[in-house]
Amino acid sequence: MKKISKHLISLAIVSFLVMPFFALPVAAQNADFGLNQVSTGLNNTLSNSDPRAIIGRIINVALGFLGVIAVAIILFGGFKWMTAGGNEEKTSEARKLLAAGVIGLVIILASWAIATYVINALSQATNV
């Protein structure tokens, strides 16, 4: 183990010493810096989009992130249950985690359905 760590440390040191030689040259003498050619890739998507669509995208991203967290809690509860080894306290803790994860996932899916319905209803009602 010590032999591997010594090799890794020496590899890291050598890579940090060699990396500066592969750096690209910088044209610092140019006065305009190419700022008028910089593109963010957004192409003014926020200013040209409908606010309802922007809010819908934000809600979908937030609920997707919360869904990933709920699934991670369910997986963690399942892992705790698998590794409980018959211990009743650990098993009950794992059951609580699984129940919390499933309840959270149901709430997230219900809120996604409600938000999608409301946004679609608003889009149809205010479509001029």
N, C-alpha and C. Protein backbone atom coordinates (compact mmCIF):
# COMPACT_ATOMS: atom_id res chain seq x y z
N MET A 1 0.82 -1.20 0.00
CA MET A 1 0.00 0.00 0.00
C MET A 1 0.87 1.26 0.00
N LYS A 2 1.93 1.24 0.80
CA LYS A 2 2.81 2.39 0.85
C LYS A 2 3.52 2.59 -0.48
N LYS A 3 3.80 1.49 -1.16
CA LYS A 3 4.48 1.57 -2.44
C LYS A 3 3.57 2.26 -3.47
N ILE A 4 2.30 1.93 -3.45
CA ILE A 4 1.35 2.55 -4.37
C ILE A 4 1.21 4.04 -4.07
N SER A 5 1.11 4.40 -2.82
CA SER A 5 0.94 5.81 -2.48
C SER A 5 2.19 6.62 -2.85
N LYS A 6 3.38 6.03 -2.71
CA LYS A 6 4.60 6.73 -3.12
C LYS A 6 4.60 6.95 -4.63
N HIS A 7 4.15 5.96 -5.37
CA HIS A 7 4.08 6.10 -6.82
C HIS A 7 3.06 7.16 -7.23
N LEU A 8 1.94 7.18 -6.56
CA LEU A 8 0.91 8.18 -6.88
C LEU A 8 1.39 9.59 -6.56
N ILE A 9 2.08 9.74 -5.44
CA ILE A 9 2.61 11.06 -5.07
C ILE A 9 3.65 11.51 -6.07
N SER A 10 4.54 10.61 -6.47
CA SER A 10 5.57 11.00 -7.45
C SER A 10 4.94 11.31 -8.80
N LEU A 11 3.90 10.58 -9.20
CA LEU A 11 3.19 10.87 -10.45
C LEU A 11 2.51 12.22 -10.39
N ALA A 12 1.91 12.57 -9.26
CA ALA A 12 1.27 13.87 -9.11
C ALA A 12 2.29 14.99 -9.18
N ILE A 13 3.41 14.82 -8.53
CA ILE A 13 4.46 15.86 -8.55
C ILE A 13 4.99 16.05 -9.96
N VAL A 14 5.26 14.95 -10.65
CA VAL A 14 5.77 15.05 -12.03
C VAL A 14 4.74 15.70 -12.93
N SER A 15 3.46 15.35 -12.77
CA SER A 15 2.44 15.94 -13.63
C SER A 15 2.30 17.44 -13.36
N PHE A 16 2.42 17.87 -12.12
CA PHE A 16 2.34 19.30 -11.82
C PHE A 16 3.56 20.05 -12.34
N LEU A 17 4.68 19.38 -12.41
CA LEU A 17 5.88 20.02 -12.94
C LEU A 17 5.88 20.08 -14.46
N VAL A 18 5.26 19.10 -15.11
CA VAL A 18 5.27 19.02 -16.57
C VAL A 18 4.13 19.82 -17.19
N MET A 19 2.99 19.95 -16.53
CA MET A 19 1.82 20.62 -17.09
C MET A 19 2.09 22.04 -17.59
N PRO A 20 2.86 22.87 -16.92
CA PRO A 20 3.07 24.23 -17.44
C PRO A 20 3.72 24.27 -18.82
N PHE A 21 4.42 23.23 -19.21
CA PHE A 21 5.06 23.22 -20.52
C PHE A 21 4.05 23.00 -21.65
N PHE A 22 2.85 22.52 -21.31
CA PHE A 22 1.82 22.29 -22.32
C PHE A 22 0.82 23.44 -22.40
N ALA A 23 1.05 24.51 -21.67
CA ALA A 23 0.14 25.66 -21.69
C ALA A 23 0.24 26.37 -23.03
N LEU A 24 -0.88 26.86 -23.51
CA LEU A 24 -0.92 27.57 -24.78
C LEU A 24 -0.42 29.00 -24.58
N PRO A 25 0.22 29.57 -25.58
CA PRO A 25 0.67 30.96 -25.46
C PRO A 25 -0.51 31.92 -25.42
N VAL A 26 -0.35 33.02 -24.73
CA VAL A 26 -1.41 34.00 -24.55
C VAL A 26 -1.05 35.25 -25.35
N ALA A 27 -2.02 35.79 -26.09
CA ALA A 27 -1.80 37.00 -26.86
C ALA A 27 -2.25 38.20 -26.03
N ALA A 28 -1.48 38.56 -25.02
CA ALA A 28 -1.87 39.62 -24.10
C ALA A 28 -1.68 41.00 -24.69
N GLN A 29 -0.92 41.13 -25.79
CA GLN A 29 -0.68 42.45 -26.35
C GLN A 29 -1.88 42.94 -27.17
N ASN A 30 -2.83 42.10 -27.49
CA ASN A 30 -4.00 42.51 -28.26
C ASN A 30 -4.92 43.33 -27.37
N ALA A 31 -5.32 44.52 -27.83
CA ALA A 31 -6.06 45.45 -26.98
C ALA A 31 -7.55 45.15 -26.89
N ASP A 32 -8.16 44.55 -27.93
CA ASP A 32 -9.62 44.39 -27.87
C ASP A 32 -10.04 43.12 -27.13
N PHE A 33 -9.13 42.21 -26.87
CA PHE A 33 -9.36 40.99 -26.11
C PHE A 33 -10.44 40.10 -26.72
N GLY A 34 -10.97 40.43 -27.88
CA GLY A 34 -11.99 39.62 -28.54
C GLY A 34 -13.30 39.60 -27.79
N LEU A 35 -13.60 40.64 -27.02
CA LEU A 35 -14.82 40.64 -26.22
C LEU A 35 -16.08 40.74 -27.07
N ASN A 36 -15.98 41.37 -28.23
CA ASN A 36 -17.18 41.48 -29.05
C ASN A 36 -17.46 40.18 -29.80
N GLN A 37 -16.62 39.17 -29.67
CA GLN A 37 -16.84 37.88 -30.30
C GLN A 37 -17.20 36.80 -29.28
N VAL A 38 -17.32 37.17 -28.01
CA VAL A 38 -17.62 36.20 -26.97
C VAL A 38 -19.09 35.81 -27.07
N SER A 39 -19.35 34.51 -27.03
CA SER A 39 -20.72 34.02 -27.09
C SER A 39 -20.97 33.12 -25.88
N THR A 40 -22.08 33.35 -25.22
CA THR A 40 -22.42 32.53 -24.07
C THR A 40 -23.15 31.27 -24.48
N GLY A 41 -23.64 31.22 -25.70
CA GLY A 41 -24.41 30.06 -26.15
C GLY A 41 -25.87 30.15 -25.80
N LEU A 42 -26.26 31.17 -25.05
CA LEU A 42 -27.67 31.30 -24.67
C LEU A 42 -28.50 31.95 -25.77
N ASN A 43 -27.89 32.81 -26.58
CA ASN A 43 -28.57 33.50 -27.67
C ASN A 43 -29.84 34.21 -27.20
N ASN A 44 -29.76 34.86 -26.07
CA ASN A 44 -30.87 35.63 -25.51
C ASN A 44 -32.13 34.78 -25.32
N THR A 45 -31.96 33.56 -24.85
CA THR A 45 -33.11 32.68 -24.70
C THR A 45 -34.05 33.16 -23.59
N LEU A 46 -33.52 33.79 -22.56
CA LEU A 46 -34.41 34.24 -21.48
C LEU A 46 -35.21 35.47 -21.91
N SER A 47 -34.60 36.37 -22.66
CA SER A 47 -35.33 37.58 -23.03
C SER A 47 -36.35 37.31 -24.12
N ASN A 48 -36.15 36.29 -24.94
CA ASN A 48 -37.09 36.00 -26.02
C ASN A 48 -38.15 34.98 -25.63
N SER A 49 -38.01 34.33 -24.49
CA SER A 49 -38.93 33.29 -24.09
C SER A 49 -40.11 33.86 -23.31
N ASP A 50 -41.17 33.09 -23.33
CA ASP A 50 -42.36 33.44 -22.56
C ASP A 50 -42.08 33.21 -21.08
N PRO A 51 -42.46 34.13 -20.21
CA PRO A 51 -42.20 33.94 -18.77
C PRO A 51 -42.82 32.67 -18.21
N ARG A 52 -43.96 32.26 -18.75
CA ARG A 52 -44.58 31.02 -18.27
C ARG A 52 -43.71 29.82 -18.60
N ALA A 53 -43.07 29.85 -19.77
CA ALA A 53 -42.19 28.75 -20.15
C ALA A 53 -40.94 28.72 -19.28
N ILE A 54 -40.43 29.91 -18.95
CA ILE A 54 -39.26 29.98 -18.08
C ILE A 54 -39.58 29.42 -16.70
N ILE A 55 -40.72 29.83 -16.15
CA ILE A 55 -41.14 29.33 -14.84
C ILE A 55 -41.37 27.83 -14.88
N GLY A 56 -41.96 27.34 -15.97
CA GLY A 56 -42.17 25.90 -16.12
C GLY A 56 -40.86 25.14 -16.14
N ARG A 57 -39.85 25.68 -16.84
CA ARG A 57 -38.55 25.02 -16.89
C ARG A 57 -37.89 25.02 -15.51
N ILE A 58 -38.00 26.15 -14.80
CA ILE A 58 -37.41 26.23 -13.46
C ILE A 58 -38.07 25.22 -12.52
N ILE A 59 -39.39 25.12 -12.59
CA ILE A 59 -40.11 24.16 -11.74
C ILE A 59 -39.71 22.74 -12.09
N ASN A 60 -39.61 22.43 -13.38
CA ASN A 60 -39.22 21.07 -13.79
C ASN A 60 -37.82 20.72 -13.31
N VAL A 61 -36.89 21.67 -13.40
CA VAL A 61 -35.53 21.40 -12.94
C VAL A 61 -35.51 21.19 -11.42
N ALA A 62 -36.21 22.06 -10.70
CA ALA A 62 -36.23 21.94 -9.23
C ALA A 62 -36.87 20.62 -8.79
N LEU A 63 -38.00 20.27 -9.41
CA LEU A 63 -38.65 19.01 -9.02
C LEU A 63 -37.84 17.80 -9.47
N GLY A 64 -37.15 17.91 -10.57
CA GLY A 64 -36.27 16.82 -10.98
C GLY A 64 -35.14 16.61 -9.99
N PHE A 65 -34.57 17.73 -9.52
CA PHE A 65 -33.51 17.64 -8.51
C PHE A 65 -34.04 17.02 -7.23
N LEU A 66 -35.23 17.43 -6.79
CA LEU A 66 -35.83 16.84 -5.59
C LEU A 66 -36.15 15.37 -5.79
N GLY A 67 -36.55 14.99 -7.01
CA GLY A 67 -36.80 13.58 -7.30
C GLY A 67 -35.55 12.74 -7.19
N VAL A 68 -34.44 13.29 -7.66
CA VAL A 68 -33.17 12.56 -7.53
C VAL A 68 -32.80 12.38 -6.07
N ILE A 69 -33.03 13.41 -5.26
CA ILE A 69 -32.75 13.30 -3.82
C ILE A 69 -33.65 12.25 -3.17
N ALA A 70 -34.94 12.21 -3.55
CA ALA A 70 -35.86 11.22 -2.98
C ALA A 70 -35.45 9.81 -3.36
N VAL A 71 -35.04 9.61 -4.60
CA VAL A 71 -34.59 8.27 -5.01
C VAL A 71 -33.31 7.90 -4.27
N ALA A 72 -32.42 8.85 -4.04
CA ALA A 72 -31.20 8.58 -3.29
C ALA A 72 -31.53 8.18 -1.85
N ILE A 73 -32.54 8.82 -1.25
CA ILE A 73 -32.95 8.45 0.11
C ILE A 73 -33.51 7.04 0.12
N ILE A 74 -34.30 6.69 -0.91
CA ILE A 74 -34.84 5.33 -0.99
C ILE A 74 -33.71 4.31 -1.14
N LEU A 75 -32.74 4.62 -2.00
CA LEU A 75 -31.61 3.71 -2.17
C LEU A 75 -30.79 3.58 -0.89
N PHE A 76 -30.60 4.69 -0.19
CA PHE A 76 -29.86 4.66 1.07
C PHE A 76 -30.60 3.83 2.11
N GLY A 77 -31.93 3.98 2.18
CA GLY A 77 -32.71 3.17 3.11
C GLY A 77 -32.63 1.69 2.78
N GLY A 78 -32.66 1.36 1.48
CA GLY A 78 -32.52 -0.03 1.08
C GLY A 78 -31.15 -0.58 1.42
N PHE A 79 -30.12 0.24 1.24
CA PHE A 79 -28.76 -0.19 1.60
C PHE A 79 -28.64 -0.42 3.10
N LYS A 80 -29.24 0.47 3.89
CA LYS A 80 -29.19 0.30 5.35
C LYS A 80 -29.93 -0.97 5.78
N TRP A 81 -31.04 -1.27 5.10
CA TRP A 81 -31.80 -2.46 5.44
C TRP A 81 -31.00 -3.71 5.07
N MET A 82 -30.34 -3.67 3.91
CA MET A 82 -29.55 -4.83 3.48
C MET A 82 -28.37 -5.08 4.41
N THR A 83 -27.80 -4.03 4.96
CA THR A 83 -26.62 -4.18 5.81
C THR A 83 -26.97 -4.18 7.30
N ALA A 84 -28.25 -4.24 7.62
CA ALA A 84 -28.65 -4.22 9.04
C ALA A 84 -28.23 -5.49 9.76
N GLY A 85 -28.16 -6.58 9.07
CA GLY A 85 -27.71 -7.83 9.69
C GLY A 85 -28.67 -8.35 10.75
N GLY A 86 -29.95 -8.08 10.62
CA GLY A 86 -30.92 -8.56 11.58
C GLY A 86 -31.09 -7.68 12.81
N ASN A 87 -30.35 -6.60 12.91
CA ASN A 87 -30.47 -5.68 14.03
C ASN A 87 -31.79 -4.92 13.89
N GLU A 88 -32.64 -5.04 14.91
CA GLU A 88 -33.99 -4.46 14.83
C GLU A 88 -33.96 -2.94 14.77
N GLU A 89 -33.04 -2.31 15.48
CA GLU A 89 -32.97 -0.84 15.46
C GLU A 89 -32.59 -0.33 14.08
N LYS A 90 -31.60 -0.96 13.47
CA LYS A 90 -31.16 -0.54 12.14
C LYS A 90 -32.23 -0.82 11.09
N THR A 91 -32.95 -1.93 11.26
CA THR A 91 -34.02 -2.27 10.33
C THR A 91 -35.16 -1.26 10.42
N SER A 92 -35.52 -0.87 11.64
CA SER A 92 -36.60 0.12 11.79
C SER A 92 -36.16 1.48 11.27
N GLU A 93 -34.90 1.83 11.44
CA GLU A 93 -34.39 3.09 10.89
C GLU A 93 -34.42 3.06 9.37
N ALA A 94 -34.08 1.91 8.79
CA ALA A 94 -34.11 1.77 7.33
C ALA A 94 -35.54 1.85 6.82
N ARG A 95 -36.49 1.25 7.54
CA ARG A 95 -37.90 1.34 7.15
C ARG A 95 -38.38 2.79 7.17
N LYS A 96 -37.96 3.54 8.18
CA LYS A 96 -38.35 4.95 8.25
C LYS A 96 -37.78 5.73 7.08
N LEU A 97 -36.52 5.45 6.72
CA LEU A 97 -35.93 6.11 5.56
C LEU A 97 -36.66 5.76 4.28
N LEU A 98 -36.98 4.48 4.11
CA LEU A 98 -37.71 4.07 2.92
C LEU A 98 -39.09 4.72 2.85
N ALA A 99 -39.77 4.77 3.98
CA ALA A 99 -41.10 5.40 4.00
C ALA A 99 -41.00 6.88 3.70
N ALA A 100 -40.02 7.54 4.28
CA ALA A 100 -39.84 8.97 4.02
C ALA A 100 -39.51 9.22 2.55
N GLY A 101 -38.67 8.38 1.97
CA GLY A 101 -38.31 8.54 0.57
C GLY A 101 -39.49 8.33 -0.35
N VAL A 102 -40.29 7.31 -0.07
CA VAL A 102 -41.47 7.03 -0.91
C VAL A 102 -42.50 8.14 -0.77
N ILE A 103 -42.74 8.59 0.46
CA ILE A 103 -43.70 9.68 0.67
C ILE A 103 -43.21 10.95 -0.03
N GLY A 104 -41.92 11.24 0.08
CA GLY A 104 -41.37 12.40 -0.60
C GLY A 104 -41.50 12.30 -2.11
N LEU A 105 -41.26 11.10 -2.66
CA LEU A 105 -41.40 10.91 -4.10
C LEU A 105 -42.84 11.08 -4.56
N VAL A 106 -43.78 10.59 -3.77
CA VAL A 106 -45.20 10.77 -4.11
C VAL A 106 -45.57 12.26 -4.08
N ILE A 107 -45.09 12.98 -3.07
CA ILE A 107 -45.38 14.42 -2.98
C ILE A 107 -44.75 15.16 -4.16
N ILE A 108 -43.54 14.80 -4.53
CA ILE A 108 -42.86 15.46 -5.65
C ILE A 108 -43.60 15.19 -6.95
N LEU A 109 -44.02 13.94 -7.18
CA LEU A 109 -44.77 13.63 -8.40
C LEU A 109 -46.12 14.34 -8.43
N ALA A 110 -46.78 14.42 -7.29
CA ALA A 110 -48.06 15.13 -7.23
C ALA A 110 -47.88 16.62 -7.48
N SER A 111 -46.84 17.20 -6.92
CA SER A 111 -46.61 18.63 -7.15
C SER A 111 -46.20 18.89 -8.60
N TRP A 112 -45.48 17.96 -9.22
CA TRP A 112 -45.16 18.12 -10.65
C TRP A 112 -46.43 18.09 -11.48
N ALA A 113 -47.34 17.15 -11.16
CA ALA A 113 -48.59 17.07 -11.91
C ALA A 113 -49.42 18.33 -11.74
N ILE A 114 -49.50 18.84 -10.52
CA ILE A 114 -50.27 20.06 -10.26
C ILE A 114 -49.64 21.25 -10.97
N ALA A 115 -48.32 21.38 -10.88
CA ALA A 115 -47.64 22.50 -11.54
C ALA A 115 -47.79 22.43 -13.05
N THR A 116 -47.69 21.24 -13.62
CA THR A 116 -47.87 21.09 -15.06
C THR A 116 -49.29 21.46 -15.47
N TYR A 117 -50.27 21.03 -14.70
CA TYR A 117 -51.67 21.36 -15.00
C TYR A 117 -51.90 22.87 -14.92
N VAL A 118 -51.39 23.50 -13.86
CA VAL A 118 -51.60 24.94 -13.68
C VAL A 118 -50.93 25.73 -14.80
N ILE A 119 -49.70 25.36 -15.15
CA ILE A 119 -48.99 26.08 -16.20
C ILE A 119 -49.68 25.90 -17.54
N ASN A 120 -50.15 24.68 -17.84
CA ASN A 120 -50.87 24.47 -19.08
C ASN A 120 -52.19 25.22 -19.10
N ALA A 121 -52.89 25.25 -17.97
CA ALA A 121 -54.15 25.98 -17.90
C ALA A 121 -53.93 27.48 -18.07
N LEU A 122 -52.87 28.01 -17.45
CA LEU A 122 -52.55 29.42 -17.61
C LEU A 122 -52.14 29.74 -19.05
N SER A 123 -51.40 28.84 -19.66
CA SER A 123 -50.98 29.08 -21.04
C SER A 123 -52.16 29.10 -21.98
N GLN A 124 -53.12 28.21 -21.77
CA GLN A 124 -54.31 28.18 -22.63
C GLN A 124 -55.23 29.35 -22.34
N ALA A 125 -55.32 29.76 -21.09
CA ALA A 125 -56.23 30.86 -20.73
C ALA A 125 -55.70 32.21 -21.19
N THR A 126 -54.39 32.40 -21.17
CA THR A 126 -53.82 33.70 -21.53
C THR A 126 -53.24 33.71 -22.93
N ASN A 127 -53.46 32.67 -23.70
CA ASN A 127 -52.95 32.64 -25.06
C ASN A 127 -53.74 33.60 -25.92
N VAL A 128 -53.09 34.65 -26.35
CA VAL A 128 -53.79 35.70 -27.10
C VAL A 128 -53.55 35.53 -28.57
